[in-house]
Protein backbone atom coordinates (compact mmCIF):
# COMPACT_ATOMS: atom_id res chain seq x y z
CA UNK A 1 0.34 0.16 0.01
CA UNK A 2 1.40 3.04 -1.02
CA UNK A 3 1.38 6.19 1.13
CA UNK A 4 -1.19 7.83 -0.66
CA UNK A 5 -3.69 4.62 -0.75
CA UNK A 6 -3.02 4.41 3.20
CA UNK A 7 -3.75 7.52 4.05
CA UNK A 8 -7.13 7.96 1.98
CA UNK A 9 -7.83 4.63 3.76
CA UNK A 10 -7.43 6.49 7.25
CA UNK A 11 -9.37 9.25 5.83
CA UNK A 12 -12.21 6.83 5.22
CA UNK A 13 -11.72 5.22 8.67
CA UNK A 14 -12.28 8.60 10.43
CA UNK A 15 -15.35 9.82 8.31
CA UNK A 16 -16.82 6.14 8.95
CA UNK A 17 -16.33 6.70 12.72
CA UNK A 18 -17.96 9.92 12.62
CA UNK A 19 -20.98 8.73 10.62
CA UNK A 20 -21.09 5.98 13.23
CA UNK A 21 -20.72 8.77 15.98
CA UNK A 22 -23.68 10.71 17.24
CA UNK A 23 -22.66 13.98 15.56
CA UNK A 24 -25.67 15.26 14.03
CA UNK A 25 -26.03 15.42 10.26
CA UNK A 26 -25.82 18.94 8.13
CA UNK A 27 -28.69 20.76 6.79
CA UNK A 28 -28.30 20.40 3.22
CA UNK A 29 -30.68 22.79 1.24
CA UNK A 30 -31.76 22.13 -1.94
CA UNK A 31 -32.79 25.19 -3.52
CA UNK A 32 -29.22 26.65 -2.36
CA UNK A 33 -28.34 26.75 -6.22
CA UNK A 34 -31.22 29.07 -6.60
CA UNK A 35 -30.35 30.96 -3.73
CA UNK A 36 -26.84 31.50 -5.24
CA UNK A 37 -28.20 32.50 -8.13
CA UNK A 38 -30.53 34.92 -7.05
CA UNK A 39 -28.22 36.88 -5.08
CA UNK A 40 -25.56 36.84 -7.48
CA UNK A 41 -27.63 38.37 -10.83
CA UNK A 42 -29.21 41.56 -7.67
CA UNK A 43 -25.06 41.81 -6.83
CA UNK A 44 -24.39 41.88 -10.55
CA UNK A 45 -27.68 44.65 -11.39
CA UNK A 46 -25.99 46.69 -8.63
CA UNK A 47 -23.05 46.88 -10.15
CA UNK A 48 -24.31 47.49 -13.52
CA UNK A 49 -26.60 50.36 -12.10
CA UNK A 50 -23.67 51.91 -10.55
CA UNK A 51 -21.70 52.19 -13.93
CA UNK A 52 -24.97 53.63 -15.59
CA UNK A 53 -25.15 56.27 -12.88
CA UNK A 54 -21.92 56.84 -13.25
CA UNK A 55 -22.01 57.16 -17.34
CA UNK A 56 -24.85 59.17 -17.02
CA UNK A 57 -23.56 61.69 -14.37
CA UNK A 58 -20.48 62.52 -16.24
CA UNK A 59 -21.39 62.74 -19.80
CA UNK A 60 -25.09 63.14 -19.73
CA UNK A 61 -25.41 65.64 -16.79
CA UNK A 62 -22.13 66.97 -16.65
CA UNK A 63 -21.30 66.59 -12.86
CA UNK A 64 -17.18 66.84 -11.60
CA UNK A 65 -16.95 65.31 -9.10
CA UNK A 66 -13.48 64.10 -7.52
CA UNK A 67 -15.79 61.60 -5.65
CA UNK A 68 -17.79 60.24 -8.55
CA UNK A 69 -14.99 58.18 -10.11
CA UNK A 70 -15.56 56.11 -6.76
CA UNK A 71 -18.73 54.45 -8.96
CA UNK A 72 -17.75 52.74 -11.73
CA UNK A 73 -15.08 51.16 -9.45
CA UNK A 74 -17.75 49.90 -6.79
CA UNK A 75 -19.97 49.16 -9.70
CA UNK A 76 -17.23 46.69 -11.66
CA UNK A 77 -16.71 45.45 -8.02
CA UNK A 78 -19.94 44.14 -7.77
CA UNK A 79 -20.41 43.11 -11.44
CA UNK A 80 -17.71 40.91 -11.49
CA UNK A 81 -18.44 39.58 -7.36
CA UNK A 82 -22.24 38.77 -8.42
CA UNK A 83 -21.29 37.37 -11.75
CA UNK A 84 -18.12 34.40 -10.79
CA UNK A 85 -20.80 32.38 -9.00
CA UNK A 86 -23.47 33.12 -11.46
CA UNK A 87 -21.72 31.55 -14.12
CA UNK A 88 -19.56 28.88 -12.09
CA UNK A 89 -22.92 27.69 -11.41
CA UNK A 90 -24.41 27.63 -14.54
CA UNK A 91 -21.57 26.00 -16.01
CA UNK A 92 -21.79 23.32 -13.63
CA UNK A 93 -25.82 22.50 -14.90
CA UNK A 94 -24.40 22.36 -18.41
CA UNK A 95 -21.67 19.94 -17.54
CA UNK A 96 -24.30 17.88 -15.48
CA UNK A 97 -26.23 17.73 -18.72
CA UNK A 98 -23.59 16.68 -20.55
CA UNK A 99 -22.72 13.59 -18.41
CA UNK A 100 -25.96 12.48 -18.74
CA UNK A 101 -26.11 12.77 -22.80
CA UNK A 102 -22.25 10.81 -22.14
CA UNK A 103 -23.70 8.18 -20.55
CA UNK A 104 -26.91 7.45 -22.93
CA UNK A 105 -24.04 7.78 -25.69
CA UNK A 106 -22.10 4.90 -23.65
CA UNK A 107 -24.69 2.90 -22.60
CA UNK A 108 -25.35 2.82 -26.46
CA UNK A 109 -29.18 3.01 -26.13
CA UNK A 110 -31.92 5.79 -24.30
CA UNK A 111 -32.27 4.36 -20.73
CA UNK A 112 -35.36 4.48 -19.34
CA UNK A 113 -34.40 6.14 -15.86
CA UNK A 114 -32.14 8.87 -17.53
CA UNK A 115 -35.55 10.55 -18.26
CA UNK A 116 -36.10 11.05 -14.65
CA UNK A 117 -35.36 14.39 -13.03
CA UNK A 118 -33.99 13.17 -9.97
CA UNK A 119 -31.26 11.52 -11.47
CA UNK A 120 -27.88 12.66 -10.79
CA UNK A 121 -24.92 12.76 -12.51
CA UNK A 122 -21.80 11.46 -11.22
CA UNK A 123 -18.59 10.01 -11.83
CA UNK A 124 -17.54 7.20 -9.41
CA UNK A 125 -14.36 5.07 -8.62
CA UNK A 126 -14.08 1.75 -7.49
CA UNK A 127 -14.97 1.08 -3.44
CA UNK A 128 -11.31 0.36 -2.49
CA UNK A 129 -8.56 3.22 -2.93
CA UNK A 130 -6.41 3.77 -5.73
CA UNK A 131 -8.48 1.10 -7.24
CA UNK A 132 -8.42 3.51 -10.96
CA UNK A 133 -10.08 6.17 -12.85
CA UNK A 134 -13.86 7.87 -12.59
CA UNK A 135 -16.65 5.99 -14.79
CA UNK A 136 -19.31 8.27 -15.88
CA UNK A 137 -22.64 7.43 -14.13
CA UNK A 138 -25.58 8.64 -12.28
CA UNK A 139 -27.45 7.91 -9.02
CA UNK A 140 -31.03 7.87 -8.56
CA UNK A 141 -32.64 7.95 -5.28
CA UNK A 142 -35.83 6.83 -3.81
CA UNK A 143 -37.86 5.62 -0.70
CA UNK A 144 -37.08 2.06 -1.94
CA UNK A 145 -33.58 2.47 -2.26
CA UNK A 146 -30.42 4.02 -4.06
CA UNK A 147 -28.61 2.43 -7.32
CA UNK A 148 -25.91 3.97 -9.44
CA UNK A 149 -26.18 3.32 -13.34
CA UNK A 150 -22.82 3.00 -15.39
CA UNK A 151 -22.64 2.79 -19.71
CA UNK A 152 -23.77 -1.04 -18.73
CA UNK A 153 -26.42 -0.61 -16.52
CA UNK A 154 -27.08 -1.01 -13.07
CA UNK A 155 -23.52 -0.91 -10.92
CA UNK A 156 -25.05 -0.83 -7.57
CA UNK A 157 -28.10 -1.00 -6.01
CA UNK A 158 -28.68 -0.62 -2.00
CA UNK A 159 -31.26 -0.02 -0.08
CA UNK A 160 -31.28 3.09 2.29
CA UNK A 161 -31.25 0.73 5.14
CA UNK A 162 -28.05 -0.35 3.75
CA UNK A 163 -26.24 3.19 3.72
CA UNK A 164 -24.18 4.05 6.70
CA UNK A 165 -24.05 7.72 5.55
CA UNK A 166 -22.26 10.23 3.11
CA UNK A 167 -19.29 12.85 3.90
CA UNK A 168 -18.71 15.43 1.75
CA UNK A 169 -14.97 15.70 0.65
CA UNK A 170 -12.67 19.03 0.60
CA UNK A 171 -14.12 21.38 -2.33
CA UNK A 172 -12.20 22.36 -5.04
CA UNK A 173 -11.79 25.28 -7.22
CA UNK A 174 -15.63 26.71 -7.41
CA UNK A 175 -16.04 25.01 -10.87
CA UNK A 176 -15.33 21.75 -10.67
CA UNK A 177 -17.37 19.07 -8.86
CA UNK A 178 -17.79 18.33 -5.24
CA UNK A 179 -16.29 14.94 -4.26
CA UNK A 180 -18.41 12.83 -1.83
CA UNK A 181 -17.63 9.39 0.00
CA UNK A 182 -21.17 7.34 0.33
CA UNK A 183 -20.58 4.64 2.92
CA UNK A 184 -22.26 1.27 3.75
CA UNK A 185 -22.71 -1.14 6.79
CA UNK A 186 -20.60 -3.76 5.40
CA UNK A 187 -17.43 -1.56 5.14
CA UNK A 188 -17.98 -0.71 1.24
CA UNK A 189 -16.98 3.25 0.32
CA UNK A 190 -18.49 4.42 -3.03
CA UNK A 191 -16.85 7.69 -4.15
CA UNK A 192 -18.51 9.86 -6.39
CA UNK A 193 -17.90 13.57 -7.90
CA UNK A 194 -20.80 15.55 -8.95
CA UNK A 195 -21.84 19.23 -10.29
CA UNK A 196 -25.27 18.85 -8.54
CA UNK A 197 -24.05 18.29 -4.88
CA UNK A 198 -26.90 20.26 -3.03
CA UNK A 199 -29.41 18.09 -5.12
CA UNK A 200 -27.65 14.84 -3.94
CA UNK A 201 -26.99 15.92 -0.57
CA UNK A 202 -30.32 16.74 0.11
CA UNK A 203 -32.18 13.69 -1.77
CA UNK A 204 -29.17 11.70 0.48
CA UNK A 205 -30.49 13.74 3.94
CA UNK A 206 -34.57 13.71 3.08
CA UNK A 207 -34.57 9.89 2.66
CA UNK A 208 -33.07 10.03 6.64
CA UNK A 209 -29.06 9.10 5.19
CA UNK A 210 -26.61 11.36 7.29
CA UNK A 211 -24.82 13.62 5.82
CA UNK A 212 -21.18 14.99 6.70
CA UNK A 213 -18.68 17.60 5.74
CA UNK A 214 -15.63 16.36 6.04
CA UNK A 215 -13.91 18.85 8.96
CA UNK A 216 -14.51 17.05 12.02
CA UNK A 217 -17.24 18.94 13.78
CA UNK A 218 -18.72 21.03 10.77
CA UNK A 219 -22.06 20.63 11.47
CA UNK A 220 -23.26 23.61 9.39
CA UNK A 221 -24.53 23.83 5.88
CA UNK A 222 -22.71 22.41 3.02
CA UNK A 223 -20.95 25.31 0.60
């Protein structure tokens, strides 16, 4: 076992211990993406209004003031600050849809389940550290259980009672997919990466699955 594999195994054991403990799960809000999108657009529009106000005052009304030069700076800053999360979120949604189309293409047929709005596109790894790369798939959750679909069909099927819990892995860059470990009762771990982390996390928690952040003691909402 290499040093990286040992570290991954150790971290997974820590995560399993936390899931088995009395630590409460985090609250995952399904509509968080919409809240971020709305807030980002409001900030961006506010920044745009600052810029328009400067242009009107400076060139139409011809107001001469040293303080007037602050308006475009504030406006540009607000515009960038608001558009960054909006752009990242929209990019994630587009890439998630591409993953579903890629899964359909690799399967060579239109799977009926791919029409489901509750299907969450993911990339997934083998249930052991260092087992290989990530394959394109999708997770479907219902009151009956969880199914992981791959290009060849159902890769994994489990009742909800078999799922011990899930742990979000440290977030990478804003536009990258978030990692998640899904732990099962029989010492099995499935690592997935998804652009729809809030939707998948919410679906898990609403079905009674404990969801935790990777950092110990973090019990607040995830990013």
